[in-house]
C-alpha atoms as a PDB file:
ATOM      1  CA  MET A   1       5.661   8.510 -24.355  1.00  0.00           C
ATOM      2  CA  TYR A   2       5.669   8.758 -20.569  1.00  0.00           C
ATOM      3  CA  TYR A   3       2.351   9.454 -18.849  1.00  0.00           C
ATOM      4  CA  PHE A   4       2.810  11.160 -15.500  1.00  0.00           C
ATOM      5  CA  ILE A   5      -0.102  10.927 -13.110  1.00  0.00           C
ATOM      6  CA  VAL A   6       0.590  13.475 -10.424  1.00  0.00           C
ATOM      7  CA  ASN A   7      -1.207  13.944  -7.123  1.00  0.00           C
ATOM      8  CA  PRO A   8      -0.457  17.618  -6.423  1.00  0.00           C
ATOM      9  CA  ASN A   9      -1.849  17.336  -2.879  1.00  0.00           C
ATOM     10  CA  ALA A  10       0.296  14.379  -1.853  1.00  0.00           C
ATOM     11  CA  ARG A  11       1.941  15.061   1.478  1.00  0.00           C
ATOM     12  CA  SER A  12       0.156  18.407   1.837  1.00  0.00           C
ATOM     13  CA  GLY A  13       1.281  19.865  -1.479  1.00  0.00           C
ATOM     14  CA  LEU A  14       4.665  18.187  -1.834  1.00  0.00           C
ATOM     15  CA  GLY A  15       3.488  16.377  -4.959  1.00  0.00           C
ATOM     16  CA  LYS A  16       3.029  19.660  -6.796  1.00  0.00           C
ATOM     17  CA  SER A  17       6.445  20.985  -5.682  1.00  0.00           C
ATOM     18  CA  ILE A  18       8.170  17.788  -6.845  1.00  0.00           C
ATOM     19  CA  TRP A  19       6.557  18.009 -10.270  1.00  0.00           C
ATOM     20  CA  PHE A  20       7.820  21.579 -10.745  1.00  0.00           C
ATOM     21  CA  GLN A  21      11.221  20.326  -9.669  1.00  0.00           C
ATOM     22  CA  ILE A  22      11.470  17.503 -12.234  1.00  0.00           C
ATOM     23  CA  GLU A  23       9.544  18.917 -15.202  1.00  0.00           C
ATOM     24  CA  PRO A  24      12.488  21.106 -16.375  1.00  0.00           C
ATOM     25  CA  ILE A  25      14.644  17.990 -16.510  1.00  0.00           C
ATOM     26  CA  LEU A  26      12.151  16.336 -18.861  1.00  0.00           C
ATOM     27  CA  LYS A  27      12.069  19.431 -21.079  1.00  0.00           C
ATOM     28  CA  ASP A  28      15.860  19.790 -21.183  1.00  0.00           C
ATOM     29  CA  ALA A  29      16.203  16.126 -22.157  1.00  0.00           C
ATOM     30  CA  HIS A  30      13.465  16.491 -24.835  1.00  0.00           C
ATOM     31  CA  VAL A  31      11.495  13.661 -23.263  1.00  0.00           C
ATOM     32  CA  GLU A  32       8.067  13.036 -24.783  1.00  0.00           C
ATOM     33  CA  TYR A  33       5.582  13.150 -21.898  1.00  0.00           C
ATOM     34  CA  GLN A  34       2.099  14.067 -20.841  1.00  0.00           C
ATOM     35  CA  VAL A  35       1.187  15.107 -17.311  1.00  0.00           C
ATOM     36  CA  LEU A  36      -2.241  14.527 -15.774  1.00  0.00           C
ATOM     37  CA  PHE A  37      -3.048  15.994 -12.344  1.00  0.00           C
ATOM     38  CA  THR A  38      -5.524  14.339  -9.998  1.00  0.00           C
ATOM     39  CA  LYS A  39      -8.219  16.603  -8.588  1.00  0.00           C
ATOM     40  CA  TYR A  40     -10.160  14.380  -6.227  1.00  0.00           C
ATOM     41  CA  ARG A  41     -10.119  10.952  -4.592  1.00  0.00           C
ATOM     42  CA  ASN A  42     -10.103   8.062  -7.126  1.00  0.00           C
ATOM     43  CA  HIS A  43      -9.481  10.515 -10.005  1.00  0.00           C
ATOM     44  CA  ALA A  44      -6.224   8.603 -10.752  1.00  0.00           C
ATOM     45  CA  THR A  45      -8.337   5.469 -11.299  1.00  0.00           C
ATOM     46  CA  LYS A  46     -10.517   7.269 -13.821  1.00  0.00           C
ATOM     47  CA  ILE A  47      -7.482   8.754 -15.596  1.00  0.00           C
ATOM     48  CA  THR A  48      -5.728   5.405 -15.833  1.00  0.00           C
ATOM     49  CA  ARG A  49      -8.849   3.605 -17.053  1.00  0.00           C
ATOM     50  CA  SER A  50      -9.147   6.103 -19.893  1.00  0.00           C
ATOM     51  CA  LEU A  51      -5.428   5.826 -20.743  1.00  0.00           C
ATOM     52  CA  THR A  52      -5.346   2.035 -20.862  1.00  0.00           C
ATOM     53  CA  SER A  53      -8.674   1.467 -22.631  1.00  0.00           C
ATOM     54  CA  ASP A  54      -6.860   0.753 -25.932  1.00  0.00           C
ATOM     55  CA  SER A  55      -4.655  -2.224 -26.811  1.00  0.00           C
ATOM     56  CA  GLN A  56      -1.306  -0.346 -26.661  1.00  0.00           C
ATOM     57  CA  THR A  57       1.385  -0.672 -23.980  1.00  0.00           C
ATOM     58  CA  HIS A  58       1.715   2.404 -21.787  1.00  0.00           C
ATOM     59  CA  THR A  59       4.442   3.614 -19.458  1.00  0.00           C
ATOM     60  CA  ILE A  60       2.718   5.288 -16.509  1.00  0.00           C
ATOM     61  CA  ILE A  61       4.655   7.184 -13.845  1.00  0.00           C
ATOM     62  CA  VAL A  62       2.955   7.806 -10.530  1.00  0.00           C
ATOM     63  CA  LEU A  63       3.980  10.898  -8.539  1.00  0.00           C
ATOM     64  CA  GLY A  64       2.242  10.666  -5.209  1.00  0.00           C
ATOM     65  CA  GLY A  65       1.887   8.334  -2.256  1.00  0.00           C
ATOM     66  CA  ASP A  66       0.934   4.683  -1.876  1.00  0.00           C
ATOM     67  CA  GLY A  67      -2.745   5.689  -2.169  1.00  0.00           C
ATOM     68  CA  THR A  68      -2.112   7.187  -5.588  1.00  0.00           C
ATOM     69  CA  VAL A  69      -0.375   3.958  -6.673  1.00  0.00           C
ATOM     70  CA  ASN A  70      -3.420   2.056  -5.430  1.00  0.00           C
ATOM     71  CA  GLU A  71      -5.783   4.244  -7.466  1.00  0.00           C
ATOM     72  CA  VAL A  72      -3.653   3.809 -10.616  1.00  0.00           C
ATOM     73  CA  ILE A  73      -3.435  -0.008 -10.452  1.00  0.00           C
ATOM     74  CA  ASN A  74      -7.203  -0.116  -9.960  1.00  0.00           C
ATOM     75  CA  GLY A  75      -7.671   1.734 -13.230  1.00  0.00           C
ATOM     76  CA  ILE A  76      -5.427  -0.463 -15.370  1.00  0.00           C
ATOM     77  CA  SER A  77      -7.480  -2.315 -17.941  1.00  0.00           C
ATOM     78  CA  ASP A  78      -4.823  -4.964 -18.695  1.00  0.00           C
ATOM     79  CA  LEU A  79      -1.855  -5.429 -16.369  1.00  0.00           C
ATOM     80  CA  ASP A  80       0.155  -6.887 -19.232  1.00  0.00           C
ATOM     81  CA  LYS A  81      -0.062  -3.591 -21.112  1.00  0.00           C
ATOM     82  CA  VAL A  82       1.447  -1.263 -18.507  1.00  0.00           C
ATOM     83  CA  ILE A  83       4.947  -0.526 -17.241  1.00  0.00           C
ATOM     84  CA  LEU A  84       4.753   1.411 -13.945  1.00  0.00           C
ATOM     85  CA  GLY A  85       7.262   3.879 -12.559  1.00  0.00           C
ATOM     86  CA  TYR A  86       7.102   5.646  -9.251  1.00  0.00           C
ATOM     87  CA  ILE A  87       8.334   8.927  -7.792  1.00  0.00           C
ATOM     88  CA  PRO A  88       7.608   8.883  -4.051  1.00  0.00           C
ATOM     89  CA  ALA A  89       5.759  11.856  -2.575  1.00  0.00           C
ATOM     90  CA  GLY A  90       3.685  10.323   0.241  1.00  0.00           C
ATOM     91  CA  SER A  91       3.863  10.022   4.001  1.00  0.00           C
ATOM     92  CA  SER A  92       4.668   6.297   4.214  1.00  0.00           C
ATOM     93  CA  ASN A  93       6.120   5.405   0.794  1.00  0.00           C
ATOM     94  CA  ASP A  94       6.096   1.647   1.524  1.00  0.00           C
ATOM     95  CA  PHE A  95       5.811   0.888  -2.208  1.00  0.00           C
ATOM     96  CA  ALA A  96       9.114   2.655  -2.837  1.00  0.00           C
ATOM     97  CA  ARG A  97      10.669   1.048   0.234  1.00  0.00           C
ATOM     98  CA  GLY A  98       9.699  -2.441  -0.924  1.00  0.00           C
ATOM     99  CA  PHE A  99      11.414  -1.953  -4.277  1.00  0.00           C
ATOM    100  CA  HIS A 100      14.353   0.047  -2.775  1.00  0.00           C
ATOM    101  CA  LEU A 101      13.504   2.971  -5.071  1.00  0.00           C
ATOM    102  CA  PRO A 102      15.225   6.352  -4.691  1.00  0.00           C
ATOM    103  CA  THR A 103      13.373   8.816  -2.506  1.00  0.00           C
ATOM    104  CA  ASN A 104      15.129  11.807  -4.107  1.00  0.00           C
ATOM    105  CA  PRO A 105      12.862  12.972  -6.926  1.00  0.00           C
ATOM    106  CA  GLU A 106      15.628  13.670  -9.438  1.00  0.00           C
ATOM    107  CA  SER A 107      17.261  10.313  -8.740  1.00  0.00           C
ATOM    108  CA  ALA A 108      13.890   8.588  -9.066  1.00  0.00           C
ATOM    109  CA  LEU A 109      13.272  10.311 -12.379  1.00  0.00           C
ATOM    110  CA  GLN A 110      16.691   9.309 -13.764  1.00  0.00           C
ATOM    111  CA  ASN A 111      16.028   5.704 -12.773  1.00  0.00           C
ATOM    112  CA  ILE A 112      12.774   5.868 -14.745  1.00  0.00           C
ATOM    113  CA  LEU A 113      14.331   7.437 -17.836  1.00  0.00           C
ATOM    114  CA  HIS A 114      17.326   5.077 -17.687  1.00  0.00           C
ATOM    115  CA  PRO A 115      15.960   1.954 -15.972  1.00  0.00           C
ATOM    116  CA  VAL A 116      18.359  -0.513 -14.413  1.00  0.00           C
ATOM    117  CA  ARG A 117      15.801  -3.226 -14.033  1.00  0.00           C
ATOM    118  CA  ILE A 118      12.149  -4.040 -14.799  1.00  0.00           C
ATOM    119  CA  ARG A 119      10.631  -6.350 -12.168  1.00  0.00           C
ATOM    120  CA  GLN A 120       7.416  -8.278 -12.175  1.00  0.00           C
ATOM    121  CA  MET A 121       5.040  -7.608  -9.253  1.00  0.00           C
ATOM    122  CA  ASP A 122       2.122  -9.665  -8.047  1.00  0.00           C
ATOM    123  CA  VAL A 123      -1.099  -7.707  -7.630  1.00  0.00           C
ATOM    124  CA  GLY A 124      -3.428  -8.536  -4.754  1.00  0.00           C
ATOM    125  CA  ILE A 125      -7.214  -8.488  -5.001  1.00  0.00           C
ATOM    126  CA  LEU A 126      -9.562  -7.843  -2.084  1.00  0.00           C
ATOM    127  CA  LYS A 127     -13.179  -8.868  -2.521  1.00  0.00           C
ATOM    128  CA  ASP A 128     -15.876  -7.924  -0.038  1.00  0.00           C
ATOM    129  CA  GLN A 129     -19.633  -7.780  -0.151  1.00  0.00           C
ATOM    130  CA  LYS A 130     -19.561  -4.522  -2.112  1.00  0.00           C
ATOM    131  CA  GLU A 131     -16.650  -4.558  -4.528  1.00  0.00           C
ATOM    132  CA  SER A 132     -13.370  -5.997  -5.763  1.00  0.00           C
ATOM    133  CA  ARG A 133     -10.252  -3.843  -5.358  1.00  0.00           C
ATOM    134  CA  ARG A 134      -6.582  -4.411  -6.267  1.00  0.00           C
ATOM    135  CA  PHE A 135      -3.686  -3.591  -3.972  1.00  0.00           C
ATOM    136  CA  ALA A 136       0.056  -3.359  -4.456  1.00  0.00           C
ATOM    137  CA  VAL A 137       1.459  -3.206  -0.917  1.00  0.00           C
ATOM    138  CA  SER A 138      -1.056  -4.684   1.527  1.00  0.00           C
ATOM    139  CA  THR A 139      -4.575  -4.987   2.731  1.00  0.00           C
ATOM    140  CA  GLY A 140      -5.727  -5.331   6.294  1.00  0.00           C
ATOM    141  CA  LEU A 141      -8.663  -5.879   8.632  1.00  0.00           C
ATOM    142  CA  GLY A 142      -8.841  -4.381  12.119  1.00  0.00           C
ATOM    143  CA  PHE A 143      -6.438  -2.199  14.028  1.00  0.00           C
ATOM    144  CA  ASP A 144      -4.130  -1.239  11.151  1.00  0.00           C
ATOM    145  CA  ALA A 145      -7.040  -0.365   8.852  1.00  0.00           C
ATOM    146  CA  ALA A 146      -8.582   1.799  11.560  1.00  0.00           C
ATOM    147  CA  ILE A 147      -5.293   3.700  11.720  1.00  0.00           C
ATOM    148  CA  CYS A 148      -5.396   4.273   7.980  1.00  0.00           C
ATOM    149  CA  HIS A 149      -8.935   5.606   8.168  1.00  0.00           C
ATOM    150  CA  LEU A 150      -8.105   8.079  10.977  1.00  0.00           C
ATOM    151  CA  ALA A 151      -4.919   9.182   9.250  1.00  0.00           C
ATOM    152  CA  MET A 152      -6.958  10.012   6.151  1.00  0.00           C
ATOM    153  CA  VAL A 153      -9.029  12.588   8.058  1.00  0.00           C
ATOM    154  CA  SER A 154      -6.373  13.687  10.535  1.00  0.00           C
ATOM    155  CA  LYS A 155      -5.563  17.416  10.703  1.00  0.00           C
ATOM    156  CA  LEU A 156      -2.406  16.449  12.598  1.00  0.00           C
ATOM    157  CA  LYS A 157      -1.193  14.595   9.510  1.00  0.00           C
ATOM    158  CA  VAL A 158      -1.457  17.781   7.424  1.00  0.00           C
ATOM    159  CA  PHE A 159       0.603  19.693   9.955  1.00  0.00           C
ATOM    160  CA  LEU A 160       3.240  16.990  10.365  1.00  0.00           C
ATOM    161  CA  ASN A 161       3.545  16.559   6.593  1.00  0.00           C
ATOM    162  CA  LYS A 162       4.377  20.259   6.254  1.00  0.00           C
ATOM    163  CA  ILE A 163       7.313  19.858   8.650  1.00  0.00           C
ATOM    164  CA  HIS A 164       8.360  16.533   7.073  1.00  0.00           C
ATOM    165  CA  LEU A 165       7.288  14.438  10.050  1.00  0.00           C
ATOM    166  CA  GLY A 166       4.229  12.824   8.498  1.00  0.00           C
ATOM    167  CA  LYS A 167       5.294   9.370   9.602  1.00  0.00           C
ATOM    168  CA  LEU A 168       4.637  10.401  13.216  1.00  0.00           C
ATOM    169  CA  THR A 169       0.940  10.675  12.357  1.00  0.00           C
ATOM    170  CA  TYR A 170       0.637   6.897  12.130  1.00  0.00           C
ATOM    171  CA  ILE A 171       2.537   6.358  15.399  1.00  0.00           C
ATOM    172  CA  GLY A 172       0.377   8.829  17.286  1.00  0.00           C
ATOM    173  CA  ILE A 173      -2.894   7.405  15.958  1.00  0.00           C
ATOM    174  CA  ALA A 174      -1.683   3.848  16.593  1.00  0.00           C
ATOM    175  CA  LEU A 175      -1.066   4.636  20.250  1.00  0.00           C
ATOM    176  CA  HIS A 176      -4.500   6.207  20.602  1.00  0.00           C
ATOM    177  CA  GLN A 177      -6.207   3.306  18.817  1.00  0.00           C
ATOM    178  CA  LEU A 178      -4.385   0.763  20.924  1.00  0.00           C
ATOM    179  CA  LEU A 179      -5.815   2.210  24.095  1.00  0.00           C
ATOM    180  CA  PHE A 180      -9.437   1.927  22.949  1.00  0.00           C
ATOM    181  CA  CYS A 181      -9.589  -0.960  20.473  1.00  0.00           C
ATOM    182  CA  ARG A 182     -11.135  -4.306  21.470  1.00  0.00           C
ATOM    183  CA  PRO A 183      -9.707  -7.519  20.029  1.00  0.00           C
ATOM    184  CA  VAL A 184     -12.220  -9.768  18.213  1.00  0.00           C
ATOM    185  CA  LYS A 185     -12.628 -13.405  17.265  1.00  0.00           C
ATOM    186  CA  MET A 186     -11.534 -14.096  13.704  1.00  0.00           C
ATOM    187  CA  THR A 187     -11.201 -17.142  11.446  1.00  0.00           C
ATOM    188  CA  LEU A 188      -8.469 -17.361   8.837  1.00  0.00           C
ATOM    189  CA  THR A 189      -8.788 -19.837   5.989  1.00  0.00           C
ATOM    190  CA  ILE A 190      -5.780 -20.353   3.659  1.00  0.00           C
ATOM    191  CA  ASP A 191      -6.101 -21.943   0.201  1.00  0.00           C
ATOM    192  CA  GLN A 192      -9.375 -23.601   1.264  1.00  0.00           C
ATOM    193  CA  GLN A 193      -7.392 -26.123   3.333  1.00  0.00           C
ATOM    194  CA  CYS A 194      -6.039 -24.659   6.580  1.00  0.00           C
ATOM    195  CA  SER A 195      -8.677 -22.980   8.805  1.00  0.00           C
ATOM    196  CA  LEU A 196      -7.597 -21.339  12.046  1.00  0.00           C
ATOM    197  CA  THR A 197      -9.620 -19.430  14.624  1.00  0.00           C
ATOM    198  CA  PHE A 198      -8.069 -16.822  16.901  1.00  0.00           C
ATOM    199  CA  ASP A 199     -10.004 -15.511  19.909  1.00  0.00           C
ATOM    200  CA  LYS A 200      -8.506 -12.046  20.445  1.00  0.00           C
ATOM    201  CA  VAL A 201      -7.264 -10.563  17.182  1.00  0.00           C
ATOM    202  CA  TYR A 202      -6.106  -6.954  17.044  1.00  0.00           C
ATOM    203  CA  PHE A 203      -5.515  -7.017  13.313  1.00  0.00           C
ATOM    204  CA  THR A 204      -4.726  -9.202  10.349  1.00  0.00           C
ATOM    205  CA  ALA A 205      -2.685  -7.842   7.438  1.00  0.00           C
ATOM    206  CA  VAL A 206      -2.188  -9.585   4.106  1.00  0.00           C
ATOM    207  CA  MET A 207       1.091  -8.369   2.578  1.00  0.00           C
ATOM    208  CA  ASN A 208       2.453  -8.278  -0.944  1.00  0.00           C
ATOM    209  CA  HIS A 209       5.447  -6.225   0.214  1.00  0.00           C
ATOM    210  CA  PRO A 210       7.380  -6.586   3.503  1.00  0.00           C
ATOM    211  CA  TYR A 211       6.459  -3.074   4.662  1.00  0.00           C
ATOM    212  CA  GLU A 212       3.340  -1.276   5.840  1.00  0.00           C
ATOM    213  CA  GLY A 213       2.519   1.848   7.787  1.00  0.00           C
ATOM    214  CA  GLY A 214       5.693   3.765   7.018  1.00  0.00           C
ATOM    215  CA  GLY A 215       8.335   1.086   7.442  1.00  0.00           C
ATOM    216  CA  PHE A 216       6.931  -1.602   9.708  1.00  0.00           C
ATOM    217  CA  GLN A 217       8.214  -4.935   8.383  1.00  0.00           C
ATOM    218  CA  PHE A 218       5.096  -6.836   9.391  1.00  0.00           C
ATOM    219  CA  CYS A 219       5.947  -9.691   6.996  1.00  0.00           C
ATOM    220  CA  PRO A 220       9.714  -9.372   6.492  1.00  0.00           C
ATOM    221  CA  ASN A 221       9.931 -12.372   4.154  1.00  0.00           C
ATOM    222  CA  ALA A 222       7.207 -11.214   1.799  1.00  0.00           C
ATOM    223  CA  ARG A 223       8.242 -11.184  -1.859  1.00  0.00           C
ATOM    224  CA  THR A 224       6.484  -9.243  -4.589  1.00  0.00           C
ATOM    225  CA  ASP A 225       6.894 -11.777  -7.369  1.00  0.00           C
ATOM    226  CA  ASP A 226       6.474 -15.244  -5.773  1.00  0.00           C
ATOM    227  CA  GLY A 227       2.731 -15.613  -6.486  1.00  0.00           C
ATOM    228  CA  LEU A 228       2.073 -15.755  -2.725  1.00  0.00           C
ATOM    229  CA  LEU A 229       0.643 -13.375  -0.146  1.00  0.00           C
ATOM    230  CA  ASP A 230       2.084 -13.243   3.368  1.00  0.00           C
ATOM    231  CA  ILE A 231      -0.269 -12.949   6.335  1.00  0.00           C
ATOM    232  CA  ILE A 232       0.280 -11.643   9.831  1.00  0.00           C
ATOM    233  CA  VAL A 233      -2.213 -12.173  12.610  1.00  0.00           C
ATOM    234  CA  VAL A 234      -1.661 -10.314  15.902  1.00  0.00           C
ATOM    235  CA  SER A 235      -3.699 -11.887  18.694  1.00  0.00           C
ATOM    236  CA  ASP A 236      -3.871 -12.961  22.347  1.00  0.00           C
ATOM    237  CA  LEU A 237      -1.463 -10.267  23.588  1.00  0.00           C
ATOM    238  CA  PRO A 238      -1.844  -7.705  26.329  1.00  0.00           C
ATOM    239  CA  LYS A 239      -1.825  -4.148  25.016  1.00  0.00           C
ATOM    240  CA  TRP A 240       1.354  -3.199  26.875  1.00  0.00           C
ATOM    241  CA  LYS A 241       3.176  -6.009  25.063  1.00  0.00           C
ATOM    242  CA  ILE A 242       1.945  -4.854  21.672  1.00  0.00           C
ATOM    243  CA  LEU A 243       3.260  -1.392  22.522  1.00  0.00           C
ATOM    244  CA  LEU A 244       6.675  -2.872  23.276  1.00  0.00           C
ATOM    245  CA  LEU A 245       6.650  -4.915  20.083  1.00  0.00           C
ATOM    246  CA  PHE A 246       6.003  -1.976  17.754  1.00  0.00           C
ATOM    247  CA  PRO A 247       9.652  -0.798  17.650  1.00  0.00           C
ATOM    248  CA  THR A 248      10.875  -4.340  16.869  1.00  0.00           C
ATOM    249  CA  ALA A 249       8.577  -4.485  13.839  1.00  0.00           C
ATOM    250  CA  TYR A 250      10.690  -1.859  12.101  1.00  0.00           C
ATOM    251  CA  ARG A 251      13.443  -4.480  11.882  1.00  0.00           C
ATOM    252  CA  GLY A 252      11.122  -7.444  11.432  1.00  0.00           C
ATOM    253  CA  MET A 253      12.129  -8.898  14.818  1.00  0.00           C
ATOM    254  CA  HIS A 254       8.557  -9.071  16.156  1.00  0.00           C
ATOM    255  CA  THR A 255       7.937 -12.416  14.386  1.00  0.00           C
ATOM    256  CA  HIS A 256       9.841 -14.281  17.131  1.00  0.00           C
ATOM    257  CA  PHE A 257       7.324 -13.417  19.842  1.00  0.00           C
ATOM    258  CA  LYS A 258       4.302 -15.377  20.976  1.00  0.00           C
ATOM    259  CA  GLY A 259       1.036 -13.946  19.676  1.00  0.00           C
ATOM    260  CA  ILE A 260       2.510 -13.040  16.281  1.00  0.00           C
ATOM    261  CA  HIS A 261       1.407 -15.544  13.635  1.00  0.00           C
ATOM    262  CA  ILE A 262       2.846 -15.560  10.088  1.00  0.00           C
ATOM    263  CA  PHE A 263       1.413 -17.574   7.137  1.00  0.00           C
ATOM    264  CA  GLN A 264       1.524 -17.684   3.343  1.00  0.00           C
ATOM    265  CA  GLY A 265      -1.105 -18.471   0.765  1.00  0.00           C
ATOM    266  CA  ARG A 266      -2.751 -17.645  -2.581  1.00  0.00           C
ATOM    267  CA  LYS A 267      -6.334 -17.389  -1.406  1.00  0.00           C
ATOM    268  CA  ILE A 268      -7.172 -16.054   2.053  1.00  0.00           C
ATOM    269  CA  LEU A 269     -10.603 -15.812   3.662  1.00  0.00           C
ATOM    270  CA  LEU A 270     -11.030 -13.618   6.734  1.00  0.00           C
ATOM    271  CA  ASP A 271     -14.155 -13.921   8.812  1.00  0.00           C
ATOM    272  CA  SER A 272     -14.625 -11.616  11.789  1.00  0.00           C
ATOM    273  CA  ARG A 273     -17.303 -11.905  14.416  1.00  0.00           C
ATOM    274  CA  GLN A 274     -17.965  -8.198  14.067  1.00  0.00           C
ATOM    275  CA  SER A 275     -17.474  -5.534  11.419  1.00  0.00           C
ATOM    276  CA  LEU A 276     -13.962  -4.071  11.282  1.00  0.00           C
ATOM    277  CA  SER A 277     -12.190  -1.389   9.301  1.00  0.00           C
ATOM    278  CA  VAL A 278     -10.653  -2.523   6.008  1.00  0.00           C
ATOM    279  CA  HIS A 279      -7.978  -0.873   3.862  1.00  0.00           C
ATOM    280  CA  THR A 280      -6.054  -1.491   0.635  1.00  0.00           C
ATOM    281  CA  ASP A 281      -2.636   0.233   0.479  1.00  0.00           C
ATOM    282  CA  GLY A 282      -3.685   2.525   3.268  1.00  0.00           C
ATOM    283  CA  GLU A 283      -6.904   3.589   1.561  1.00  0.00           C
ATOM    284  CA  PRO A 284      -9.924   2.982   3.883  1.00  0.00           C
ATOM    285  CA  LEU A 285     -12.809   0.926   2.517  1.00  0.00           C
ATOM    286  CA  GLY A 286     -15.297   1.121   5.354  1.00  0.00           C
ATOM    287  CA  LEU A 287     -16.357  -1.760   7.631  1.00  0.00           C
ATOM    288  CA  GLN A 288     -16.547  -5.436   6.745  1.00  0.00           C
ATOM    289  CA  GLN A 289     -16.882  -8.798   8.435  1.00  0.00           C
ATOM    290  CA  HIS A 290     -15.992 -11.165   5.568  1.00  0.00           C
ATOM    291  CA  VAL A 291     -13.332 -10.594   2.919  1.00  0.00           C
ATOM    292  CA  GLU A 292     -11.590 -12.745   0.311  1.00  0.00           C
ATOM    293  CA  ILE A 293      -8.051 -11.947  -0.744  1.00  0.00           C
ATOM    294  CA  THR A 294      -6.231 -13.457  -3.697  1.00  0.00           C
ATOM    295  CA  THR A 295      -3.460 -12.700  -6.176  1.00  0.00           C
ATOM    296  CA  SER A 296      -4.217 -11.687  -9.739  1.00  0.00           C
ATOM    297  CA  ASN A 297      -3.475 -14.160 -12.533  1.00  0.00           C
ATOM    298  CA  LYS A 298      -1.354 -11.447 -14.134  1.00  0.00           C
ATOM    299  CA  GLN A 299       1.678  -9.489 -12.870  1.00  0.00           C
ATOM    300  CA  LEU A 300       2.520  -5.821 -13.363  1.00  0.00           C
ATOM    301  CA  ARG A 301       5.903  -4.633 -14.668  1.00  0.00           C
ATOM    302  CA  ILE A 302       7.627  -2.156 -12.299  1.00  0.00           C
ATOM    303  CA  ILE A 303      10.629   0.082 -13.078  1.00  0.00           C
ATOM    304  CA  SER A 304      12.943  -0.870 -10.247  1.00  0.00           C
ATOM    305  CA  LEU A 305      16.602  -1.072  -9.244  1.00  0.00           C
END
């Protein structure tokens, strides 16, 4: 049995269109499946929690964006008891990019029905003063999280998604944010050993995948199954230089420049001198000053290539 969790509103209605495109294939192939449509934010978490409340192993297929993936992994009762497949329907699709998954819906479905490879994926955990939340792709504090928050409420994103240019939303918001954001002092502690303080931090991202924000390779050497999280700190740079560095991040070439700091670790503490926006997999979580980020003691099986 395949359980499809479909976000019909992903990419301004594309999720619903993709489901109607692939459902006839399932019927023609006599595949046993059940489809569950999300109706509101965090509904996928509630659905997944109900599905995985027993002791059986479930194959769950997410049709949506990175945010829907995030909701699903936060609803899994036992990571050992789930095999996760993904049909991309979002604006950024960094989860699919990290696993080199097909973006064509029919190709993605065939890969799920006839999997070439099942890979193990580390699952990150963000803890703040309010809650604990898992993430698959990345979490961040500062500039990148503020972009995620504004993209969530952006009317421009809805328009650009309809003309298949949703990725431009993040670029436009990033340019706007860069003009007005103020860098802050932040302390980074890795594995309770190495503690570093940076005076003018624009953002810190903790990555499980190499990609964030629609294809930026912020941590190009990040691996999803090594038990480690990769960290990028962007600090002590003039804004014009950050603007010039953005295009190089698509190819992961930004890491060679001064002001870009890359680290690895299993437990990361971030302490900011003032409250900053926080996100997990592009989903905004409000403002925080202190967060703890670790990897789960269990991995999640992913249908991959």
